[in-house]
C-alpha cells in the first residue's frame, strides 16, 4: 500500500510541473504510470487531466494561426500527341 505522503509528493510534483508548463507530455505519461502503479488515485488523475487540457488550450490560444499564401500554379499545356510514324 502506498502512503498518503508519497501520494501527495508525487501528485504535487506532477501538478507543479504541469502548471509551470515543464515537459507536460512527459509528466502526462508519468501520471498514468503512477496511476497504474497505484500511487495516484483516479480522482487525482482526473484533476491533473484538467490541468493538462487547460495547458494545451492556452498553448493553442497563444499560437498564431499560420498564414498560408496562395500559390499560383502555372498552367500546364498538354503535350502534343505523337503519331506512330515518329
C-alpha atoms as a PDB file:
ATOM      1  CA  UNK A   1       0.000   0.000   0.000  1.00  0.00           C
ATOM      2  CA  UNK A   2       1.208   3.480  -0.873  1.00  0.00           C
ATOM      3  CA  UNK A   3       1.464   6.020   1.914  1.00  0.00           C
ATOM      4  CA  UNK A   4      -0.554   9.218   1.796  1.00  0.00           C
ATOM      5  CA  UNK A   5       2.651  11.235   1.975  1.00  0.00           C
ATOM      6  CA  UNK A   6       4.031   9.572  -1.155  1.00  0.00           C
ATOM      7  CA  UNK A   7       0.748  10.153  -2.984  1.00  0.00           C
ATOM      8  CA  UNK A   8       0.862  13.857  -2.082  1.00  0.00           C
ATOM      9  CA  UNK A   9       4.505  14.233  -3.096  1.00  0.00           C
ATOM     10  CA  UNK A  10       4.001  12.566  -6.481  1.00  0.00           C
ATOM     11  CA  UNK A  11       0.743  14.416  -7.127  1.00  0.00           C
ATOM     12  CA  UNK A  12       2.162  17.817  -6.152  1.00  0.00           C
ATOM     13  CA  UNK A  13       5.334  17.279  -8.202  1.00  0.00           C
ATOM     14  CA  UNK A  14       3.403  16.406 -11.339  1.00  0.00           C
ATOM     15  CA  UNK A  15       0.872  19.199 -10.731  1.00  0.00           C
ATOM     16  CA  UNK A  16       3.612  21.778 -10.245  1.00  0.00           C
ATOM     17  CA  UNK A  17       5.416  20.782 -13.433  1.00  0.00           C
ATOM     18  CA  UNK A  18       2.219  20.875 -15.483  1.00  0.00           C
ATOM     19  CA  UNK A  19       1.224  24.304 -14.122  1.00  0.00           C
ATOM     20  CA  UNK A  20       4.693  25.634 -14.980  1.00  0.00           C
ATOM     21  CA  UNK A  21       4.442  24.094 -18.460  1.00  0.00           C
ATOM     22  CA  UNK A  22       7.548  21.990 -17.943  1.00  0.00           C
ATOM     23  CA  UNK A  23       7.628  18.913 -20.166  1.00  0.00           C
ATOM     24  CA  UNK A  24       3.867  18.425 -19.971  1.00  0.00           C
ATOM     25  CA  UNK A  25       3.835  15.411 -22.300  1.00  0.00           C
ATOM     26  CA  UNK A  26       6.434  13.648 -20.154  1.00  0.00           C
ATOM     27  CA  UNK A  27       4.522  14.322 -16.951  1.00  0.00           C
ATOM     28  CA  UNK A  28       1.244  13.217 -18.507  1.00  0.00           C
ATOM     29  CA  UNK A  29       2.875   9.883 -19.330  1.00  0.00           C
ATOM     30  CA  UNK A  30       4.336   9.644 -15.820  1.00  0.00           C
ATOM     31  CA  UNK A  31       0.931  10.432 -14.351  1.00  0.00           C
ATOM     32  CA  UNK A  32      -0.584   7.358 -15.998  1.00  0.00           C
ATOM     33  CA  UNK A  33       2.379   5.214 -14.957  1.00  0.00           C
ATOM     34  CA  UNK A  34       1.866   6.311 -11.356  1.00  0.00           C
ATOM     35  CA  UNK A  35      -1.847   5.587 -11.630  1.00  0.00           C
ATOM     36  CA  UNK A  36      -1.121   2.082 -12.938  1.00  0.00           C
ATOM     37  CA  UNK A  37       1.310   1.556 -10.047  1.00  0.00           C
ATOM     38  CA  UNK A  38      -1.384   2.555  -7.564  1.00  0.00           C
ATOM     39  CA  UNK A  39       0.368   5.730  -6.436  1.00  0.00           C
ATOM     40  CA  UNK A  40      -2.179   8.184  -7.849  1.00  0.00           C
ATOM     41  CA  UNK A  41      -5.920   7.829  -7.411  1.00  0.00           C
ATOM     42  CA  UNK A  42      -8.441   8.192 -10.211  1.00  0.00           C
ATOM     43  CA  UNK A  43      -9.564  11.489  -8.697  1.00  0.00           C
ATOM     44  CA  UNK A  44      -6.000  12.864  -8.688  1.00  0.00           C
ATOM     45  CA  UNK A  45      -5.526  11.789 -12.301  1.00  0.00           C
ATOM     46  CA  UNK A  46      -8.797  13.478 -13.280  1.00  0.00           C
ATOM     47  CA  UNK A  47      -7.640  16.715 -11.660  1.00  0.00           C
ATOM     48  CA  UNK A  48      -4.305  16.539 -13.459  1.00  0.00           C
ATOM     49  CA  UNK A  49      -6.023  15.812 -16.773  1.00  0.00           C
ATOM     50  CA  UNK A  50      -7.984  19.052 -16.376  1.00  0.00           C
ATOM     51  CA  UNK A  51      -4.731  20.968 -15.839  1.00  0.00           C
ATOM     52  CA  UNK A  52      -3.178  19.325 -18.890  1.00  0.00           C
ATOM     53  CA  UNK A  53      -6.203  20.215 -21.004  1.00  0.00           C
ATOM     54  CA  UNK A  54      -6.051  23.827 -19.781  1.00  0.00           C
ATOM     55  CA  UNK A  55      -2.340  23.958 -20.609  1.00  0.00           C
ATOM     56  CA  UNK A  56      -2.926  22.831 -24.194  1.00  0.00           C
ATOM     57  CA  UNK A  57      -5.864  25.206 -24.615  1.00  0.00           C
ATOM     58  CA  UNK A  58      -3.620  28.108 -23.530  1.00  0.00           C
ATOM     59  CA  UNK A  59      -0.923  26.962 -25.935  1.00  0.00           C
ATOM     60  CA  UNK A  60      -3.421  26.816 -28.771  1.00  0.00           C
ATOM     61  CA  UNK A  61      -4.867  30.242 -27.914  1.00  0.00           C
ATOM     62  CA  UNK A  62      -1.394  31.806 -27.767  1.00  0.00           C
ATOM     63  CA  UNK A  63      -0.213  30.365 -31.041  1.00  0.00           C
ATOM     64  CA  UNK A  64      -0.734  32.488 -34.077  1.00  0.00           C
ATOM     65  CA  UNK A  65      -2.523  30.868 -36.970  1.00  0.00           C
ATOM     66  CA  UNK A  66      -0.262  30.113 -39.861  1.00  0.00           C
ATOM     67  CA  UNK A  67      -0.677  32.474 -42.777  1.00  0.00           C
ATOM     68  CA  UNK A  68      -0.843  30.488 -45.947  1.00  0.00           C
ATOM     69  CA  UNK A  69      -0.078  32.379 -49.096  1.00  0.00           C
ATOM     70  CA  UNK A  70      -1.946  31.096 -52.122  1.00  0.00           C
ATOM     71  CA  UNK A  71       0.411  29.567 -54.622  1.00  0.00           C
ATOM     72  CA  UNK A  72      -0.247  30.457 -58.208  1.00  0.00           C
ATOM     73  CA  UNK A  73       0.339  27.476 -60.377  1.00  0.00           C
ATOM     74  CA  UNK A  74       1.466  27.861 -63.931  1.00  0.00           C
ATOM     75  CA  UNK A  75      -0.996  26.398 -66.382  1.00  0.00           C
ATOM     76  CA  UNK A  76       0.110  23.090 -67.782  1.00  0.00           C
ATOM     77  CA  UNK A  77      -0.131  22.869 -71.519  1.00  0.00           C
ATOM     78  CA  UNK A  78      -0.964  19.461 -72.906  1.00  0.00           C
ATOM     79  CA  UNK A  79       1.848  17.775 -74.763  1.00  0.00           C
ATOM     80  CA  UNK A  80       1.305  17.360 -78.500  1.00  0.00           C
ATOM     81  CA  UNK A  81       0.177  13.917 -79.446  1.00  0.00           C
ATOM     82  CA  UNK A  82       2.781  11.831 -81.121  1.00  0.00           C
ATOM     83  CA  UNK A  83       1.974   9.726 -84.142  1.00  0.00           C
ATOM     84  CA  UNK A  84       3.262   6.209 -84.617  1.00  0.00           C
ATOM     85  CA  UNK A  85       5.455   7.311 -87.523  1.00  0.00           C
ATOM     86  CA  UNK A  86       7.645   9.487 -85.358  1.00  0.00           C
END
